[in-house]
Amino acid sequence: MTELADPRYRDIDTWDDVTALRAMLEGQMAAIAAITPALPALADVVASAVPRLRAGGRLVYAGAGTSIRVAVQDGIELGPTFDWPESRTLYLIAGGEAALKLGIEGAEDNAEDGRAQVAANAIGPNDVVIGLAASGRTPFTVAVVKAARDAGALTVGIACNPDAVLCVMADHGIIAETGAEAIAGSTRMKAGTAQKAILNLLSTQIMLRLGHVHRGLMVDMRPQNIKLRGRAAGMVAMLAKVDLATAEVALETSGWKIKPAILIAQGYDLAEASAALEKAQGVLRNVQGAQV
């Protein structure tokens, strides 16, 4: 379906700019709407992924072309936003890192490379492998997901075509049927938008369940500049119910880690705060005695 030419757009190159842009925008909105039926399946992925990631597993993205490019964008943001370790985020890229900037001819068809990358990275039972392919049949990505599943990893397939072999091969299949593109085969548009939105939802909900969000706030973000340090102080002041000066002292004591700073501002010392958070598996709401 993603490769078909939609007759509605047959003369799009003759339309005025506003009309053509409106038509393409409608396609983008339809792509987002196509995700709704997949929400229960996404919830199942979160439930299966969190225990493995708590046990030290890695979050692994795999794909070719547009699919892996949007995946890398998603994964890179997890470090500064949720303090997710970069060492626990992997990218299995058809054609290697050069393919993020250049089209590498034939890379997506290289199933052997997919299997080799799984082996080279020692993918195992605690890892969560997310394979993305708009068509659902990209040989590299299908091979990655099959090899990862054989290695015991939790596997997720994300595609935009019904009956996608990628989703059949994975433990969890996520399908957003985005249909034909305004420009036939240009899956960086509707399909790309749907894939990015799915990853936004999935990775954010996983991070939420791992305790990196509290009361709608990014309490594990890295305060790496003046703006973010100000935001961190505001979070600590609000959640610990202290003034900004006290919040800043607590943050300095914690090495600018927000969650322990909240506890320090409430009277814990650094060792106590660290131990309490470890016992609560990093979930601030589960810290006994804390007023959060």
C-alpha atoms as a PDB file:
ATOM      1  CA  MET A   1       0.000   0.000   0.000  1.00  0.00           C
ATOM      2  CA  THR A   2       2.799   2.454   0.812  1.00  0.00           C
ATOM      3  CA  GLU A   3       4.192   2.021  -2.722  1.00  0.00           C
ATOM      4  CA  LEU A   4       0.926   2.587  -4.589  1.00  0.00           C
ATOM      5  CA  ALA A   5       0.120   5.701  -6.599  1.00  0.00           C
ATOM      6  CA  ASP A   6      -3.045   7.320  -5.235  1.00  0.00           C
ATOM      7  CA  PRO A   7      -5.141   8.582  -8.165  1.00  0.00           C
ATOM      8  CA  ARG A   8      -6.328  11.527  -6.070  1.00  0.00           C
ATOM      9  CA  TYR A   9      -2.862  13.057  -6.393  1.00  0.00           C
ATOM     10  CA  ARG A  10      -2.269  12.247 -10.047  1.00  0.00           C
ATOM     11  CA  ASP A  11      -2.102  15.923 -11.027  1.00  0.00           C
ATOM     12  CA  ILE A  12      -0.539  17.281  -7.818  1.00  0.00           C
ATOM     13  CA  ASP A  13       2.337  18.806  -9.802  1.00  0.00           C
ATOM     14  CA  THR A  14      -0.196  21.099 -11.536  1.00  0.00           C
ATOM     15  CA  TRP A  15      -1.940  22.302  -8.366  1.00  0.00           C
ATOM     16  CA  ASP A  16      -1.251  25.681  -6.817  1.00  0.00           C
ATOM     17  CA  ASP A  17       1.093  25.622  -3.831  1.00  0.00           C
ATOM     18  CA  VAL A  18      -1.515  26.085  -1.115  1.00  0.00           C
ATOM     19  CA  THR A  19      -3.725  23.311  -2.481  1.00  0.00           C
ATOM     20  CA  ALA A  20      -0.821  20.889  -2.786  1.00  0.00           C
ATOM     21  CA  LEU A  21       0.465  21.725   0.687  1.00  0.00           C
ATOM     22  CA  ARG A  22      -3.017  21.305   2.168  1.00  0.00           C
ATOM     23  CA  ALA A  23      -3.322  17.885   0.547  1.00  0.00           C
ATOM     24  CA  MET A  24       0.041  16.787   1.928  1.00  0.00           C
ATOM     25  CA  LEU A  25      -0.848  18.123   5.392  1.00  0.00           C
ATOM     26  CA  GLU A  26      -4.072  16.118   5.349  1.00  0.00           C
ATOM     27  CA  GLY A  27      -1.942  13.057   4.649  1.00  0.00           C
ATOM     28  CA  GLN A  28       0.237  13.828   7.670  1.00  0.00           C
ATOM     29  CA  MET A  29      -2.806  14.097   9.917  1.00  0.00           C
ATOM     30  CA  ALA A  30      -4.170  10.825   8.518  1.00  0.00           C
ATOM     31  CA  ALA A  31      -0.841   9.173   9.340  1.00  0.00           C
ATOM     32  CA  ILE A  32      -1.175  10.180  12.993  1.00  0.00           C
ATOM     33  CA  ALA A  33      -4.768   8.950  13.108  1.00  0.00           C
ATOM     34  CA  ALA A  34      -3.628   5.568  11.744  1.00  0.00           C
ATOM     35  CA  ILE A  35      -1.703   4.954  14.983  1.00  0.00           C
ATOM     36  CA  THR A  36      -4.798   4.865  17.195  1.00  0.00           C
ATOM     37  CA  PRO A  37      -5.703   1.188  16.560  1.00  0.00           C
ATOM     38  CA  ALA A  38      -2.145   0.215  17.523  1.00  0.00           C
ATOM     39  CA  LEU A  39      -2.229   1.729  21.034  1.00  0.00           C
ATOM     40  CA  PRO A  40      -3.153  -1.538  22.837  1.00  0.00           C
ATOM     41  CA  ALA A  41      -0.299  -3.314  21.054  1.00  0.00           C
ATOM     42  CA  LEU A  42       2.087  -0.513  22.055  1.00  0.00           C
ATOM     43  CA  ALA A  43       0.977  -0.907  25.678  1.00  0.00           C
ATOM     44  CA  ASP A  44       1.813  -4.625  25.455  1.00  0.00           C
ATOM     45  CA  VAL A  45       5.305  -3.751  24.209  1.00  0.00           C
ATOM     46  CA  VAL A  46       5.877  -1.433  27.170  1.00  0.00           C
ATOM     47  CA  ALA A  47       4.779  -4.108  29.635  1.00  0.00           C
ATOM     48  CA  SER A  48       7.155  -6.640  28.081  1.00  0.00           C
ATOM     49  CA  ALA A  49      10.087  -4.259  27.611  1.00  0.00           C
ATOM     50  CA  VAL A  50      10.317  -2.640  31.043  1.00  0.00           C
ATOM     51  CA  PRO A  51      11.380  -5.747  33.036  1.00  0.00           C
ATOM     52  CA  ARG A  52      14.164  -6.500  30.538  1.00  0.00           C
ATOM     53  CA  LEU A  53      15.419  -2.934  30.584  1.00  0.00           C
ATOM     54  CA  ARG A  54      15.290  -2.859  34.383  1.00  0.00           C
ATOM     55  CA  ALA A  55      17.517  -5.938  34.295  1.00  0.00           C
ATOM     56  CA  GLY A  56      20.147  -4.014  32.342  1.00  0.00           C
ATOM     57  CA  GLY A  57      19.027  -4.663  28.781  1.00  0.00           C
ATOM     58  CA  ARG A  58      19.654  -2.369  25.857  1.00  0.00           C
ATOM     59  CA  LEU A  59      17.257  -0.507  23.603  1.00  0.00           C
ATOM     60  CA  VAL A  60      18.153  -1.427  20.025  1.00  0.00           C
ATOM     61  CA  TYR A  61      16.806   0.249  16.887  1.00  0.00           C
ATOM     62  CA  ALA A  62      17.174  -1.417  13.492  1.00  0.00           C
ATOM     63  CA  GLY A  63      16.273  -0.393   9.961  1.00  0.00           C
ATOM     64  CA  ALA A  64      17.220   1.142   6.647  1.00  0.00           C
ATOM     65  CA  GLY A  65      16.779   4.553   5.032  1.00  0.00           C
ATOM     66  CA  THR A  66      14.131   6.852   6.477  1.00  0.00           C
ATOM     67  CA  SER A  67      13.124   4.297   9.090  1.00  0.00           C
ATOM     68  CA  ILE A  68      16.500   4.126  10.812  1.00  0.00           C
ATOM     69  CA  ARG A  69      17.048   7.870  10.469  1.00  0.00           C
ATOM     70  CA  VAL A  70      13.894   8.650  12.454  1.00  0.00           C
ATOM     71  CA  ALA A  71      14.865   5.905  14.921  1.00  0.00           C
ATOM     72  CA  VAL A  72      18.282   7.467  15.547  1.00  0.00           C
ATOM     73  CA  GLN A  73      16.592  10.800  16.166  1.00  0.00           C
ATOM     74  CA  ASP A  74      14.367   9.155  18.771  1.00  0.00           C
ATOM     75  CA  GLY A  75      17.157   7.263  20.506  1.00  0.00           C
ATOM     76  CA  ILE A  76      19.595  10.162  20.712  1.00  0.00           C
ATOM     77  CA  GLU A  77      17.064  12.242  22.654  1.00  0.00           C
ATOM     78  CA  LEU A  78      16.704   9.654  25.426  1.00  0.00           C
ATOM     79  CA  GLY A  79      20.047  10.559  27.014  1.00  0.00           C
ATOM     80  CA  PRO A  80      19.605  14.271  27.675  1.00  0.00           C
ATOM     81  CA  THR A  81      15.865  13.935  28.280  1.00  0.00           C
ATOM     82  CA  PHE A  82      15.727  10.917  30.587  1.00  0.00           C
ATOM     83  CA  ASP A  83      19.404  10.254  31.428  1.00  0.00           C
ATOM     84  CA  TRP A  84      19.156   6.941  29.573  1.00  0.00           C
ATOM     85  CA  PRO A  85      22.759   5.703  29.122  1.00  0.00           C
ATOM     86  CA  GLU A  86      24.077   6.049  25.567  1.00  0.00           C
ATOM     87  CA  SER A  87      25.917   2.759  26.124  1.00  0.00           C
ATOM     88  CA  ARG A  88      22.517   1.076  26.343  1.00  0.00           C
ATOM     89  CA  THR A  89      21.182   2.476  23.066  1.00  0.00           C
ATOM     90  CA  LEU A  90      22.251   0.699  19.876  1.00  0.00           C
ATOM     91  CA  TYR A  91      21.520   1.296  16.206  1.00  0.00           C
ATOM     92  CA  LEU A  92      21.723  -1.526  13.677  1.00  0.00           C
ATOM     93  CA  ILE A  93      21.888   0.414  10.423  1.00  0.00           C
ATOM     94  CA  ALA A  94      21.653  -1.046   6.932  1.00  0.00           C
ATOM     95  CA  GLY A  95      24.822   0.180   5.240  1.00  0.00           C
ATOM     96  CA  GLY A  96      26.414   1.366   8.497  1.00  0.00           C
ATOM     97  CA  GLU A  97      26.608   4.888   9.906  1.00  0.00           C
ATOM     98  CA  ALA A  98      27.407   6.373   6.490  1.00  0.00           C
ATOM     99  CA  ALA A  99      23.846   5.475   5.452  1.00  0.00           C
ATOM    100  CA  LEU A 100      22.491   8.100   7.861  1.00  0.00           C
ATOM    101  CA  LYS A 101      23.732  10.780   5.469  1.00  0.00           C
ATOM    102  CA  LEU A 102      23.956   8.947   2.144  1.00  0.00           C
ATOM    103  CA  GLY A 103      21.857   6.430   0.261  1.00  0.00           C
ATOM    104  CA  ILE A 104      23.911   3.185   0.247  1.00  0.00           C
ATOM    105  CA  GLU A 105      22.884   1.144  -2.770  1.00  0.00           C
ATOM    106  CA  GLY A 106      21.564  -2.311  -1.930  1.00  0.00           C
ATOM    107  CA  ALA A 107      22.112  -1.952   1.815  1.00  0.00           C
ATOM    108  CA  GLU A 108      18.491  -2.638   2.734  1.00  0.00           C
ATOM    109  CA  ASP A 109      18.580  -5.907   0.785  1.00  0.00           C
ATOM    110  CA  ASN A 110      21.565  -7.285   2.709  1.00  0.00           C
ATOM    111  CA  ALA A 111      20.012  -9.777   5.113  1.00  0.00           C
ATOM    112  CA  GLU A 112      23.405 -11.263   5.940  1.00  0.00           C
ATOM    113  CA  ASP A 113      24.587  -7.873   7.220  1.00  0.00           C
ATOM    114  CA  GLY A 114      21.549  -7.748   9.481  1.00  0.00           C
ATOM    115  CA  ARG A 115      22.372 -11.123  10.998  1.00  0.00           C
ATOM    116  CA  ALA A 116      26.035 -10.175  11.329  1.00  0.00           C
ATOM    117  CA  GLN A 117      25.213  -6.955  13.213  1.00  0.00           C
ATOM    118  CA  VAL A 118      23.051  -8.879  15.687  1.00  0.00           C
ATOM    119  CA  ALA A 119      25.922 -11.300  16.332  1.00  0.00           C
ATOM    120  CA  ALA A 120      28.586  -8.582  16.503  1.00  0.00           C
ATOM    121  CA  ASN A 121      26.621  -6.698  19.156  1.00  0.00           C
ATOM    122  CA  ALA A 122      25.907  -9.839  21.194  1.00  0.00           C
ATOM    123  CA  ILE A 123      22.165  -9.176  21.259  1.00  0.00           C
ATOM    124  CA  GLY A 124      20.652 -11.244  24.063  1.00  0.00           C
ATOM    125  CA  PRO A 125      17.646 -11.956  26.291  1.00  0.00           C
ATOM    126  CA  ASN A 126      17.512  -8.622  28.151  1.00  0.00           C
ATOM    127  CA  ASP A 127      17.679  -6.531  24.987  1.00  0.00           C
ATOM    128  CA  VAL A 128      14.677  -4.899  23.311  1.00  0.00           C
ATOM    129  CA  VAL A 129      15.069  -4.771  19.524  1.00  0.00           C
ATOM    130  CA  ILE A 130      12.786  -2.462  17.526  1.00  0.00           C
ATOM    131  CA  GLY A 131      12.831  -3.037  13.777  1.00  0.00           C
ATOM    132  CA  LEU A 132      11.245  -0.415  11.527  1.00  0.00           C
ATOM    133  CA  ALA A 133      10.282  -0.716   7.863  1.00  0.00           C
ATOM    134  CA  ALA A 134       7.451   1.138   6.141  1.00  0.00           C
ATOM    135  CA  SER A 135       6.913  -1.764   3.753  1.00  0.00           C
ATOM    136  CA  GLY A 136       7.301  -4.365   6.490  1.00  0.00           C
ATOM    137  CA  ARG A 137       9.471  -6.518   4.238  1.00  0.00           C
ATOM    138  CA  THR A 138      12.941  -4.896   4.129  1.00  0.00           C
ATOM    139  CA  PRO A 139      15.338  -7.903   4.101  1.00  0.00           C
ATOM    140  CA  PHE A 140      17.957  -6.298   6.384  1.00  0.00           C
ATOM    141  CA  THR A 141      15.396  -5.393   9.054  1.00  0.00           C
ATOM    142  CA  VAL A 142      13.505  -8.686   8.857  1.00  0.00           C
ATOM    143  CA  ALA A 143      16.810 -10.553   9.256  1.00  0.00           C
ATOM    144  CA  VAL A 144      17.751  -8.449  12.305  1.00  0.00           C
ATOM    145  CA  VAL A 145      14.443  -9.117  14.012  1.00  0.00           C
ATOM    146  CA  LYS A 146      14.537 -12.849  13.297  1.00  0.00           C
ATOM    147  CA  ALA A 147      18.138 -13.210  14.486  1.00  0.00           C
ATOM    148  CA  ALA A 148      17.452 -11.125  17.607  1.00  0.00           C
ATOM    149  CA  ARG A 149      14.376 -13.186  18.442  1.00  0.00           C
ATOM    150  CA  ASP A 150      16.376 -16.393  17.979  1.00  0.00           C
ATOM    151  CA  ALA A 151      18.923 -14.930  20.424  1.00  0.00           C
ATOM    152  CA  GLY A 152      16.175 -14.472  23.027  1.00  0.00           C
ATOM    153  CA  ALA A 153      15.713 -10.705  22.738  1.00  0.00           C
ATOM    154  CA  LEU A 154      12.311  -9.077  22.895  1.00  0.00           C
ATOM    155  CA  THR A 155      11.522  -8.025  19.335  1.00  0.00           C
ATOM    156  CA  VAL A 156       9.169  -5.375  17.990  1.00  0.00           C
ATOM    157  CA  GLY A 157       8.279  -4.787  14.356  1.00  0.00           C
ATOM    158  CA  ILE A 158       6.875  -1.435  13.243  1.00  0.00           C
ATOM    159  CA  ALA A 159       5.416  -1.206   9.731  1.00  0.00           C
ATOM    160  CA  CYS A 160       2.845   0.675   7.684  1.00  0.00           C
ATOM    161  CA  ASN A 161       1.469  -2.154   5.551  1.00  0.00           C
ATOM    162  CA  PRO A 162      -1.013  -4.837   6.633  1.00  0.00           C
ATOM    163  CA  ASP A 163       0.295  -8.421   6.860  1.00  0.00           C
ATOM    164  CA  ALA A 164       3.873  -7.162   7.111  1.00  0.00           C
ATOM    165  CA  VAL A 165       6.306 -10.072   7.413  1.00  0.00           C
ATOM    166  CA  LEU A 166       8.387  -7.960   9.827  1.00  0.00           C
ATOM    167  CA  CYS A 167       5.481  -7.863  12.256  1.00  0.00           C
ATOM    168  CA  VAL A 168       4.812 -11.582  11.871  1.00  0.00           C
ATOM    169  CA  MET A 169       8.470 -12.302  12.629  1.00  0.00           C
ATOM    170  CA  ALA A 170       8.558 -10.116  15.760  1.00  0.00           C
ATOM    171  CA  ASP A 171       7.195 -10.881  19.221  1.00  0.00           C
ATOM    172  CA  HIS A 172       5.106  -7.722  18.917  1.00  0.00           C
ATOM    173  CA  GLY A 173       3.881  -6.285  15.637  1.00  0.00           C
ATOM    174  CA  ILE A 174       2.846  -2.631  15.426  1.00  0.00           C
ATOM    175  CA  ILE A 175       1.056  -1.639  12.227  1.00  0.00           C
ATOM    176  CA  ALA A 176      -0.133   1.838  11.272  1.00  0.00           C
ATOM    177  CA  GLU A 177      -1.806   1.521   7.884  1.00  0.00           C
ATOM    178  CA  THR A 178      -0.868   4.851   6.324  1.00  0.00           C
ATOM    179  CA  GLY A 179      -1.703   3.811   2.754  1.00  0.00           C
ATOM    180  CA  ALA A 180      -0.505   5.404  -0.464  1.00  0.00           C
ATOM    181  CA  GLU A 181       1.548   8.589  -0.327  1.00  0.00           C
ATOM    182  CA  ALA A 182       0.706  11.847  -2.082  1.00  0.00           C
ATOM    183  CA  ILE A 183       3.898  11.224  -4.056  1.00  0.00           C
ATOM    184  CA  ALA A 184       3.978   7.504  -4.813  1.00  0.00           C
ATOM    185  CA  GLY A 185       6.552   5.620  -2.764  1.00  0.00           C
ATOM    186  CA  SER A 186       7.748   8.655  -0.795  1.00  0.00           C
ATOM    187  CA  THR A 187       7.514   6.918   2.559  1.00  0.00           C
ATOM    188  CA  ARG A 188       9.491   9.663   4.295  1.00  0.00           C
ATOM    189  CA  MET A 189       6.119  11.457   4.372  1.00  0.00           C
ATOM    190  CA  LYS A 190       3.083   9.674   5.856  1.00  0.00           C
ATOM    191  CA  ALA A 191       4.868   6.466   6.779  1.00  0.00           C
ATOM    192  CA  GLY A 192       7.856   8.343   8.193  1.00  0.00           C
ATOM    193  CA  THR A 193       5.592  10.570  10.258  1.00  0.00           C
ATOM    194  CA  ALA A 194       3.727   7.562  11.657  1.00  0.00           C
ATOM    195  CA  GLN A 195       6.945   5.742  12.526  1.00  0.00           C
ATOM    196  CA  LYS A 196       8.385   8.756  14.339  1.00  0.00           C
ATOM    197  CA  ALA A 197       5.171   9.306  16.278  1.00  0.00           C
ATOM    198  CA  ILE A 198       5.050   5.623  17.266  1.00  0.00           C
ATOM    199  CA  LEU A 199       8.616   5.823  18.550  1.00  0.00           C
ATOM    200  CA  ASN A 200       7.807   9.040  20.431  1.00  0.00           C
ATOM    201  CA  LEU A 201       4.978   7.256  22.214  1.00  0.00           C
ATOM    202  CA  LEU A 202       6.793   3.984  22.804  1.00  0.00           C
ATOM    203  CA  SER A 203      10.114   5.288  24.106  1.00  0.00           C
ATOM    204  CA  THR A 204       8.456   7.966  26.257  1.00  0.00           C
ATOM    205  CA  GLN A 205       6.071   5.484  27.878  1.00  0.00           C
ATOM    206  CA  ILE A 206       8.933   3.077  28.549  1.00  0.00           C
ATOM    207  CA  MET A 207      10.910   5.878  30.202  1.00  0.00           C
ATOM    208  CA  LEU A 208       7.851   6.873  32.200  1.00  0.00           C
ATOM    209  CA  ARG A 209       7.434   3.316  33.508  1.00  0.00           C
ATOM    210  CA  LEU A 210      11.131   3.195  34.391  1.00  0.00           C
ATOM    211  CA  GLY A 211      10.618   6.179  36.694  1.00  0.00           C
ATOM    212  CA  HIS A 212      12.185   8.943  34.624  1.00  0.00           C
ATOM    213  CA  VAL A 213       9.005  11.052  34.775  1.00  0.00           C
ATOM    214  CA  HIS A 214       7.324  12.320  37.942  1.00  0.00           C
ATOM    215  CA  ARG A 215       4.175  14.428  37.976  1.00  0.00           C
ATOM    216  CA  GLY A 216       4.613  15.081  34.283  1.00  0.00           C
ATOM    217  CA  LEU A 217       8.156  16.394  34.774  1.00  0.00           C
ATOM    218  CA  MET A 218      11.444  15.091  33.335  1.00  0.00           C
ATOM    219  CA  VAL A 219      13.069  14.444  36.689  1.00  0.00           C
ATOM    220  CA  ASP A 220      16.058  12.647  35.169  1.00  0.00           C
ATOM    221  CA  MET A 221      16.933  15.209  32.507  1.00  0.00           C
ATOM    222  CA  ARG A 222      20.537  16.364  32.329  1.00  0.00           C
ATOM    223  CA  PRO A 223      20.797  20.066  33.285  1.00  0.00           C
ATOM    224  CA  GLN A 224      23.557  20.815  30.788  1.00  0.00           C
ATOM    225  CA  ASN A 225      23.052  24.543  30.284  1.00  0.00           C
ATOM    226  CA  ILE A 226      21.818  27.631  32.112  1.00  0.00           C
ATOM    227  CA  LYS A 227      18.237  27.237  30.931  1.00  0.00           C
ATOM    228  CA  LEU A 228      18.040  23.595  32.015  1.00  0.00           C
ATOM    229  CA  ARG A 229      19.692  24.286  35.361  1.00  0.00           C
ATOM    230  CA  GLY A 230      17.047  26.881  36.018  1.00  0.00           C
ATOM    231  CA  ARG A 231      14.359  24.369  35.071  1.00  0.00           C
ATOM    232  CA  ALA A 232      15.916  21.758  37.345  1.00  0.00           C
ATOM    233  CA  ALA A 233      15.965  24.167  40.294  1.00  0.00           C
ATOM    234  CA  GLY A 234      12.320  24.974  39.653  1.00  0.00           C
ATOM    235  CA  MET A 235      11.419  21.282  39.688  1.00  0.00           C
ATOM    236  CA  VAL A 236      13.247  20.647  42.948  1.00  0.00           C
ATOM    237  CA  ALA A 237      11.734  23.724  44.580  1.00  0.00           C
ATOM    238  CA  MET A 238       8.212  22.769  43.531  1.00  0.00           C
ATOM    239  CA  LEU A 239       8.393  19.043  44.322  1.00  0.00           C
ATOM    240  CA  ALA A 240      10.339  19.382  47.581  1.00  0.00           C
ATOM    241  CA  LYS A 241       8.357  22.487  48.593  1.00  0.00           C
ATOM    242  CA  VAL A 242      11.451  24.582  49.247  1.00  0.00           C
ATOM    243  CA  ASP A 243      12.769  27.904  47.942  1.00  0.00           C
ATOM    244  CA  LEU A 244      15.030  28.164  44.908  1.00  0.00           C
ATOM    245  CA  ALA A 245      18.163  28.791  46.943  1.00  0.00           C
ATOM    246  CA  THR A 246      17.619  25.561  48.906  1.00  0.00           C
ATOM    247  CA  ALA A 247      16.873  23.716  45.667  1.00  0.00           C
ATOM    248  CA  GLU A 248      20.113  24.895  44.083  1.00  0.00           C
ATOM    249  CA  VAL A 249      22.167  23.803  47.100  1.00  0.00           C
ATOM    250  CA  ALA A 250      20.521  20.380  46.963  1.00  0.00           C
ATOM    251  CA  LEU A 251      21.285  20.092  43.245  1.00  0.00           C
ATOM    252  CA  GLU A 252      24.921  21.014  43.795  1.00  0.00           C
ATOM    253  CA  THR A 253      25.115  18.362  46.536  1.00  0.00           C
ATOM    254  CA  SER A 254      23.629  15.722  44.218  1.00  0.00           C
ATOM    255  CA  GLY A 255      25.861  16.606  41.275  1.00  0.00           C
ATOM    256  CA  TRP A 256      22.854  18.173  39.523  1.00  0.00           C
ATOM    257  CA  LYS A 257      20.810  14.985  39.679  1.00  0.00           C
ATOM    258  CA  ILE A 258      17.208  16.075  40.146  1.00  0.00           C
ATOM    259  CA  LYS A 259      15.630  13.110  41.939  1.00  0.00           C
ATOM    260  CA  PRO A 260      18.226  12.795  44.710  1.00  0.00           C
ATOM    261  CA  ALA A 261      18.225  16.600  45.011  1.00  0.00           C
ATOM    262  CA  ILE A 262      14.494  16.513  45.773  1.00  0.00           C
ATOM    263  CA  LEU A 263      15.126  14.099  48.629  1.00  0.00           C
ATOM    264  CA  ILE A 264      18.163  16.039  49.866  1.00  0.00           C
ATOM    265  CA  ALA A 265      16.045  19.202  49.982  1.00  0.00           C
ATOM    266  CA  GLN A 266      13.640  17.267  52.231  1.00  0.00           C
ATOM    267  CA  GLY A 267      16.355  16.298  54.714  1.00  0.00           C
ATOM    268  CA  TYR A 268      18.080  13.208  53.290  1.00  0.00           C
ATOM    269  CA  ASP A 269      21.840  13.149  52.926  1.00  0.00           C
ATOM    270  CA  LEU A 270      23.296  12.081  49.573  1.00  0.00           C
ATOM    271  CA  ALA A 271      23.924   8.460  50.574  1.00  0.00           C
ATOM    272  CA  GLU A 272      20.421   8.105  52.013  1.00  0.00           C
ATOM    273  CA  ALA A 273      18.851   9.633  48.928  1.00  0.00           C
ATOM    274  CA  SER A 274      20.794   7.338  46.602  1.00  0.00           C
ATOM    275  CA  ALA A 275      19.943   4.239  48.653  1.00  0.00           C
ATOM    276  CA  ALA A 276      16.245   5.155  48.834  1.00  0.00           C
ATOM    277  CA  LEU A 277      16.027   5.641  45.084  1.00  0.00           C
ATOM    278  CA  GLU A 278      17.841   2.393  44.400  1.00  0.00           C
ATOM    279  CA  LYS A 279      15.444   0.527  46.685  1.00  0.00           C
ATOM    280  CA  ALA A 280      12.510   2.155  44.836  1.00  0.00           C
ATOM    281  CA  GLN A 281      14.008   1.165  41.447  1.00  0.00           C
ATOM    282  CA  GLY A 282      14.347   4.819  40.589  1.00  0.00           C
ATOM    283  CA  VAL A 283      10.627   5.580  40.969  1.00  0.00           C
ATOM    284  CA  LEU A 284      10.294   8.694  43.108  1.00  0.00           C
ATOM    285  CA  ARG A 285       6.706   7.916  44.105  1.00  0.00           C
ATOM    286  CA  ASN A 286       7.886   4.658  45.676  1.00  0.00           C
ATOM    287  CA  VAL A 287      10.402   6.261  48.040  1.00  0.00           C
ATOM    288  CA  GLN A 288       9.008   5.665  51.515  1.00  0.00           C
ATOM    289  CA  GLY A 289       8.700   8.759  53.645  1.00  0.00           C
ATOM    290  CA  ALA A 290       9.309  11.212  50.810  1.00  0.00           C
ATOM    291  CA  GLN A 291       6.738  13.965  50.362  1.00  0.00           C
ATOM    292  CA  VAL A 292       6.442  13.908  46.596  1.00  0.00           C
END
